[in-house]
């Protein structure tokens, strides 16, 4: 094994880890205009060392029987969410320290809805 290959391999390997955060709820009031959450960022003191996202576990709460169009957004890409919780791998390879945001829109004719419990757990490499 060459020394150059070993150095390249060690330099490209990041320690795996995770961070979690929760942001305040959002009032979703329109179908033609999105409501956007506060940025979801790593807690202070978390060192990501250039890590990239592996997967994101997300959760949100809406009133019983209410369904809203929801997305989880990285500055480079948004992913549609289905249901109240799940796991997203479509953002894998994106920077793990970039702010995430939840986006919501009502369906046509739907009454305003408050979406709460906005939480993510970001697993990174």
N, C-alpha and C. Protein backbone atom coordinates (compact mmCIF):
# COMPACT_ATOMS: atom_id res chain seq x y z
N UNK A 1 0.85 -1.17 0.00
CA UNK A 1 0.00 0.00 0.00
C UNK A 1 0.89 1.23 0.00
N UNK A 2 0.60 2.18 -0.87
CA UNK A 2 1.44 3.37 -0.95
C UNK A 2 1.05 4.35 0.14
N UNK A 3 2.02 5.14 0.55
CA UNK A 3 1.78 6.16 1.57
C UNK A 3 0.80 7.22 1.07
N UNK A 4 0.89 7.59 -0.20
CA UNK A 4 -0.01 8.61 -0.76
C UNK A 4 -1.46 8.14 -0.68
N UNK A 5 -1.72 6.87 -0.98
CA UNK A 5 -3.08 6.35 -0.92
C UNK A 5 -3.59 6.39 0.52
N UNK A 6 -2.76 6.00 1.47
CA UNK A 6 -3.16 5.99 2.88
C UNK A 6 -3.49 7.40 3.36
N UNK A 7 -2.67 8.38 2.98
CA UNK A 7 -2.93 9.76 3.37
C UNK A 7 -4.23 10.26 2.75
N UNK A 8 -4.46 9.95 1.48
CA UNK A 8 -5.70 10.36 0.81
C UNK A 8 -6.90 9.73 1.48
N UNK A 9 -6.81 8.44 1.85
CA UNK A 9 -7.92 7.74 2.48
C UNK A 9 -8.22 8.34 3.85
N UNK A 10 -7.21 8.55 4.67
CA UNK A 10 -7.41 9.09 6.00
C UNK A 10 -7.94 10.52 5.90
N UNK A 11 -7.44 11.31 4.98
CA UNK A 11 -7.89 12.69 4.82
C UNK A 11 -9.33 12.77 4.37
N UNK A 12 -9.81 11.78 3.63
CA UNK A 12 -11.18 11.82 3.10
C UNK A 12 -12.20 11.25 4.08
N UNK A 13 -11.75 10.62 5.14
CA UNK A 13 -12.65 9.98 6.08
C UNK A 13 -13.04 10.97 7.18
N UNK A 14 -14.34 11.12 7.42
CA UNK A 14 -14.83 11.99 8.48
C UNK A 14 -15.46 11.11 9.54
N UNK A 15 -15.37 11.56 10.77
CA UNK A 15 -16.01 10.83 11.85
C UNK A 15 -17.52 10.93 11.69
N UNK A 16 -18.21 9.84 11.89
CA UNK A 16 -19.66 9.84 11.81
C UNK A 16 -20.23 10.42 13.09
N UNK A 17 -21.39 11.03 12.97
CA UNK A 17 -22.03 11.59 14.15
C UNK A 17 -23.45 11.99 13.83
N UNK A 18 -24.07 12.69 14.76
CA UNK A 18 -25.42 13.19 14.53
C UNK A 18 -25.63 14.45 15.36
N UNK A 19 -26.57 15.25 14.93
CA UNK A 19 -27.03 16.39 15.71
C UNK A 19 -28.54 16.48 15.57
N UNK A 20 -29.18 17.06 16.57
CA UNK A 20 -30.63 17.22 16.51
C UNK A 20 -31.00 18.62 16.95
N UNK A 21 -32.11 19.08 16.43
CA UNK A 21 -32.60 20.41 16.78
C UNK A 21 -34.10 20.49 16.54
N UNK A 22 -34.72 21.41 17.24
CA UNK A 22 -36.15 21.65 17.11
C UNK A 22 -36.35 23.16 16.95
N UNK A 23 -37.33 23.55 16.13
CA UNK A 23 -37.63 24.97 15.93
C UNK A 23 -39.11 25.22 16.21
N UNK A 24 -39.47 26.49 16.46
CA UNK A 24 -40.88 26.80 16.75
C UNK A 24 -41.81 26.43 15.59
N UNK A 25 -43.07 26.23 15.93
CA UNK A 25 -44.09 25.91 14.95
C UNK A 25 -44.34 27.05 13.98
N UNK A 26 -45.14 26.74 12.95
CA UNK A 26 -45.44 27.69 11.87
C UNK A 26 -46.94 27.69 11.62
N UNK A 27 -47.51 28.90 11.43
CA UNK A 27 -48.90 29.01 11.02
C UNK A 27 -48.91 28.98 9.49
N UNK A 28 -49.62 28.00 8.93
CA UNK A 28 -49.72 27.86 7.48
C UNK A 28 -51.10 28.39 7.10
N UNK A 29 -51.11 29.50 6.34
CA UNK A 29 -52.37 30.18 6.11
C UNK A 29 -52.80 30.27 4.65
N UNK A 30 -51.92 29.92 3.69
CA UNK A 30 -52.27 30.08 2.28
C UNK A 30 -51.85 28.86 1.46
N UNK A 31 -52.59 28.65 0.36
CA UNK A 31 -52.22 27.55 -0.54
C UNK A 31 -51.28 28.02 -1.63
N UNK A 32 -51.30 29.32 -1.93
CA UNK A 32 -50.46 29.84 -3.01
C UNK A 32 -49.18 30.51 -2.53
N UNK A 33 -48.94 30.50 -1.23
CA UNK A 33 -47.73 31.09 -0.67
C UNK A 33 -47.22 30.18 0.45
N UNK A 34 -45.95 29.80 0.36
CA UNK A 34 -45.37 28.90 1.36
C UNK A 34 -45.10 29.61 2.68
N UNK A 35 -45.23 28.87 3.76
CA UNK A 35 -44.81 29.31 5.09
C UNK A 35 -43.50 28.59 5.37
N UNK A 36 -42.53 29.31 5.91
CA UNK A 36 -41.18 28.76 6.11
C UNK A 36 -40.81 28.85 7.58
N UNK A 37 -40.21 27.78 8.10
CA UNK A 37 -39.79 27.75 9.49
C UNK A 37 -38.51 28.56 9.70
N UNK A 38 -38.20 28.76 10.96
CA UNK A 38 -36.88 29.30 11.32
C UNK A 38 -35.83 28.30 10.83
N UNK A 39 -34.60 28.74 10.62
CA UNK A 39 -33.56 27.78 10.21
C UNK A 39 -33.30 26.75 11.31
N UNK A 40 -33.10 25.53 10.88
CA UNK A 40 -32.75 24.43 11.79
C UNK A 40 -31.24 24.24 11.63
N UNK A 41 -30.50 24.53 12.69
CA UNK A 41 -29.04 24.48 12.62
C UNK A 41 -28.48 23.60 13.72
N UNK A 42 -27.23 23.13 13.55
CA UNK A 42 -26.61 22.33 14.61
C UNK A 42 -26.53 23.14 15.90
N UNK A 43 -26.66 22.49 17.04
CA UNK A 43 -26.53 23.20 18.32
C UNK A 43 -25.13 23.79 18.46
N UNK A 44 -25.00 24.87 19.23
CA UNK A 44 -23.68 25.46 19.46
C UNK A 44 -22.71 24.43 20.03
N UNK A 45 -21.48 24.48 19.57
CA UNK A 45 -20.46 23.59 20.08
C UNK A 45 -20.32 22.28 19.32
N UNK A 46 -21.24 21.99 18.41
CA UNK A 46 -21.13 20.77 17.61
C UNK A 46 -20.14 21.02 16.48
N UNK A 47 -19.07 20.24 16.44
CA UNK A 47 -18.06 20.39 15.39
C UNK A 47 -18.29 19.32 14.33
N UNK A 48 -18.62 19.76 13.12
CA UNK A 48 -18.94 18.81 12.05
C UNK A 48 -17.75 18.51 11.16
N UNK A 49 -16.67 19.29 11.26
CA UNK A 49 -15.44 19.03 10.50
C UNK A 49 -15.68 18.74 9.03
N UNK A 50 -16.53 19.52 8.37
CA UNK A 50 -16.78 19.32 6.93
C UNK A 50 -17.62 18.10 6.63
N UNK A 51 -18.31 17.57 7.62
CA UNK A 51 -19.12 16.38 7.42
C UNK A 51 -20.26 16.59 6.43
N UNK A 52 -20.72 15.50 5.85
CA UNK A 52 -21.83 15.55 4.91
C UNK A 52 -22.98 14.69 5.43
N UNK A 53 -24.18 15.06 5.03
CA UNK A 53 -25.39 14.38 5.48
C UNK A 53 -25.41 12.94 4.96
N UNK A 54 -25.78 12.03 5.84
CA UNK A 54 -26.04 10.64 5.47
C UNK A 54 -27.54 10.45 5.34
N UNK A 55 -28.28 10.81 6.40
CA UNK A 55 -29.74 10.76 6.39
C UNK A 55 -30.28 11.72 7.43
N UNK A 56 -31.52 12.11 7.25
CA UNK A 56 -32.18 13.01 8.20
C UNK A 56 -33.50 12.38 8.62
N UNK A 57 -33.69 12.27 9.93
CA UNK A 57 -34.97 11.84 10.49
C UNK A 57 -35.71 13.12 10.84
N UNK A 58 -36.96 13.22 10.45
CA UNK A 58 -37.72 14.44 10.69
C UNK A 58 -39.06 14.11 11.33
N UNK A 59 -39.62 15.14 11.98
CA UNK A 59 -40.92 14.98 12.64
C UNK A 59 -41.63 16.32 12.65
N UNK A 60 -42.94 16.28 12.53
CA UNK A 60 -43.77 17.47 12.66
C UNK A 60 -45.14 17.03 13.15
N UNK A 61 -45.86 17.97 13.73
CA UNK A 61 -47.20 17.67 14.25
C UNK A 61 -48.20 18.67 13.67
N UNK A 62 -49.29 18.16 13.11
CA UNK A 62 -50.40 18.98 12.64
C UNK A 62 -51.65 18.50 13.37
N UNK A 63 -52.68 19.33 13.45
CA UNK A 63 -53.90 18.89 14.12
C UNK A 63 -54.46 17.62 13.47
N UNK A 64 -55.12 16.76 14.25
CA UNK A 64 -55.68 15.53 13.71
C UNK A 64 -56.56 15.79 12.48
N UNK A 65 -56.36 14.99 11.46
CA UNK A 65 -57.15 15.10 10.24
C UNK A 65 -56.69 16.17 9.27
N UNK A 66 -55.73 16.98 9.65
CA UNK A 66 -55.22 18.04 8.77
C UNK A 66 -53.99 17.55 8.03
N UNK A 67 -53.94 17.83 6.75
CA UNK A 67 -52.80 17.45 5.93
C UNK A 67 -52.29 18.72 5.24
N UNK A 68 -51.00 18.96 5.30
CA UNK A 68 -50.41 20.10 4.61
C UNK A 68 -49.31 19.59 3.68
N UNK A 69 -49.06 20.33 2.63
CA UNK A 69 -47.92 20.02 1.76
C UNK A 69 -46.68 20.47 2.52
N UNK A 70 -45.69 19.57 2.64
CA UNK A 70 -44.51 19.87 3.45
C UNK A 70 -43.24 19.46 2.71
N UNK A 71 -42.20 20.26 2.93
CA UNK A 71 -40.88 19.98 2.35
C UNK A 71 -39.83 20.24 3.42
N UNK A 72 -38.71 19.53 3.32
CA UNK A 72 -37.52 19.82 4.12
C UNK A 72 -36.48 20.33 3.14
N UNK A 73 -35.94 21.51 3.43
CA UNK A 73 -35.05 22.17 2.47
C UNK A 73 -33.66 22.40 3.02
N UNK A 74 -32.68 22.02 2.24
CA UNK A 74 -31.26 22.35 2.40
C UNK A 74 -31.06 23.52 1.44
N UNK A 75 -30.08 24.40 1.64
CA UNK A 75 -29.91 25.52 0.71
C UNK A 75 -29.78 25.10 -0.77
N UNK A 76 -29.39 23.85 -1.03
CA UNK A 76 -29.20 23.39 -2.40
C UNK A 76 -30.35 22.56 -2.95
N UNK A 77 -31.30 22.14 -2.10
CA UNK A 77 -32.33 21.22 -2.58
C UNK A 77 -33.46 21.09 -1.55
N UNK A 78 -34.69 20.94 -2.04
CA UNK A 78 -35.84 20.65 -1.17
C UNK A 78 -36.36 19.25 -1.47
N UNK A 79 -36.88 18.61 -0.44
CA UNK A 79 -37.42 17.25 -0.57
C UNK A 79 -38.84 17.25 0.00
N UNK A 80 -39.80 16.75 -0.78
CA UNK A 80 -41.18 16.65 -0.31
C UNK A 80 -41.28 15.63 0.82
N UNK A 81 -42.05 15.95 1.84
CA UNK A 81 -42.25 15.06 2.98
C UNK A 81 -43.65 14.46 2.90
N UNK A 82 -43.77 13.24 3.37
CA UNK A 82 -45.08 12.60 3.42
C UNK A 82 -45.34 12.15 4.85
N UNK A 83 -46.46 12.51 5.39
CA UNK A 83 -46.80 12.10 6.74
C UNK A 83 -46.21 13.02 7.80
N UNK A 84 -46.29 12.56 9.03
CA UNK A 84 -45.86 13.36 10.19
C UNK A 84 -44.42 13.08 10.63
N UNK A 85 -43.85 11.99 10.13
CA UNK A 85 -42.46 11.67 10.47
C UNK A 85 -41.90 10.76 9.41
N UNK A 86 -40.58 10.75 9.33
CA UNK A 86 -39.96 9.88 8.34
C UNK A 86 -38.46 10.10 8.28
N UNK A 87 -37.85 9.51 7.27
CA UNK A 87 -36.41 9.60 7.05
C UNK A 87 -36.17 10.02 5.62
N UNK A 88 -35.25 10.95 5.43
CA UNK A 88 -34.90 11.46 4.11
C UNK A 88 -33.44 11.11 3.83
N UNK A 89 -33.21 10.47 2.68
CA UNK A 89 -31.83 10.21 2.25
C UNK A 89 -31.48 11.00 0.99
N UNK A 90 -32.47 11.70 0.43
CA UNK A 90 -32.24 12.46 -0.81
C UNK A 90 -31.27 13.61 -0.63
N UNK A 91 -31.01 14.03 0.61
CA UNK A 91 -30.06 15.12 0.85
C UNK A 91 -28.66 14.60 1.20
N UNK A 92 -28.46 13.30 1.07
CA UNK A 92 -27.15 12.71 1.37
C UNK A 92 -26.07 13.35 0.50
N UNK A 93 -24.93 13.62 1.12
CA UNK A 93 -23.80 14.22 0.41
C UNK A 93 -23.77 15.73 0.51
N UNK A 94 -24.85 16.35 0.99
CA UNK A 94 -24.89 17.81 1.17
C UNK A 94 -24.19 18.15 2.50
N UNK A 95 -23.74 19.39 2.64
CA UNK A 95 -23.06 19.82 3.86
C UNK A 95 -23.95 19.66 5.08
N UNK A 96 -23.42 19.03 6.12
CA UNK A 96 -24.20 18.76 7.33
C UNK A 96 -24.36 19.98 8.23
N UNK A 97 -23.57 21.03 7.99
CA UNK A 97 -23.69 22.23 8.83
C UNK A 97 -24.54 23.32 8.21
N UNK A 98 -25.11 23.08 7.04
CA UNK A 98 -25.95 24.08 6.38
C UNK A 98 -27.31 24.15 7.07
N UNK A 99 -27.92 25.34 7.13
CA UNK A 99 -29.23 25.44 7.77
C UNK A 99 -30.32 24.74 6.95
N UNK A 100 -31.16 24.02 7.65
CA UNK A 100 -32.32 23.37 7.02
C UNK A 100 -33.55 24.20 7.35
N UNK A 101 -34.57 24.09 6.53
CA UNK A 101 -35.84 24.77 6.80
C UNK A 101 -36.99 23.84 6.40
N UNK A 102 -38.05 23.91 7.18
CA UNK A 102 -39.30 23.27 6.78
C UNK A 102 -40.09 24.30 5.99
N UNK A 103 -40.76 23.84 4.92
CA UNK A 103 -41.66 24.70 4.14
C UNK A 103 -43.02 24.02 4.07
N UNK A 104 -44.06 24.83 4.12
CA UNK A 104 -45.42 24.30 4.12
C UNK A 104 -46.32 25.14 3.22
N UNK A 105 -47.33 24.49 2.66
CA UNK A 105 -48.39 25.18 1.92
C UNK A 105 -49.68 24.40 2.12
N UNK A 106 -50.78 25.12 2.18
CA UNK A 106 -52.09 24.47 2.30
C UNK A 106 -52.53 23.92 0.95
N UNK A 107 -53.44 23.01 1.01
CA UNK A 107 -54.09 22.53 -0.21
C UNK A 107 -55.21 23.52 -0.54
N UNK A 108 -55.58 23.68 -1.82
CA UNK A 108 -56.64 24.63 -2.18
C UNK A 108 -57.91 24.40 -1.36
N UNK A 109 -58.44 25.50 -0.81
CA UNK A 109 -59.67 25.43 -0.03
C UNK A 109 -59.49 25.04 1.42
N UNK A 110 -58.29 24.70 1.82
CA UNK A 110 -58.04 24.26 3.19
C UNK A 110 -57.96 25.46 4.14
N UNK A 111 -58.45 25.30 5.36
CA UNK A 111 -58.39 26.35 6.37
C UNK A 111 -56.98 26.41 6.96
N UNK A 112 -56.59 27.55 7.54
CA UNK A 112 -55.26 27.69 8.15
C UNK A 112 -54.98 26.61 9.19
N UNK A 113 -53.72 26.21 9.26
CA UNK A 113 -53.29 25.12 10.15
C UNK A 113 -52.00 25.54 10.85
N UNK A 114 -51.90 25.23 12.14
CA UNK A 114 -50.65 25.44 12.86
C UNK A 114 -49.89 24.12 12.89
N UNK A 115 -48.66 24.14 12.36
CA UNK A 115 -47.80 22.96 12.36
C UNK A 115 -46.75 23.18 13.44
N UNK A 116 -46.61 22.20 14.33
CA UNK A 116 -45.71 22.33 15.48
C UNK A 116 -44.78 21.13 15.56
N UNK A 117 -43.94 21.12 16.60
CA UNK A 117 -43.06 19.98 16.85
C UNK A 117 -42.07 19.73 15.73
N UNK A 118 -41.56 20.79 15.11
CA UNK A 118 -40.64 20.66 13.97
C UNK A 118 -39.26 20.24 14.47
N UNK A 119 -38.88 19.03 14.13
CA UNK A 119 -37.64 18.48 14.67
C UNK A 119 -36.90 17.67 13.61
N UNK A 120 -35.57 17.73 13.65
CA UNK A 120 -34.73 16.89 12.79
C UNK A 120 -33.63 16.25 13.62
N UNK A 121 -33.21 15.09 13.16
CA UNK A 121 -31.98 14.44 13.63
C UNK A 121 -31.17 14.20 12.38
N UNK A 122 -30.02 14.85 12.30
CA UNK A 122 -29.17 14.75 11.11
C UNK A 122 -28.02 13.79 11.40
N UNK A 123 -27.96 12.70 10.66
CA UNK A 123 -26.81 11.78 10.75
C UNK A 123 -25.84 12.17 9.65
N UNK A 124 -24.57 12.30 10.00
CA UNK A 124 -23.57 12.74 9.02
C UNK A 124 -22.33 11.86 9.07
N UNK A 125 -21.55 11.97 8.02
CA UNK A 125 -20.29 11.23 7.89
C UNK A 125 -19.15 12.22 7.87
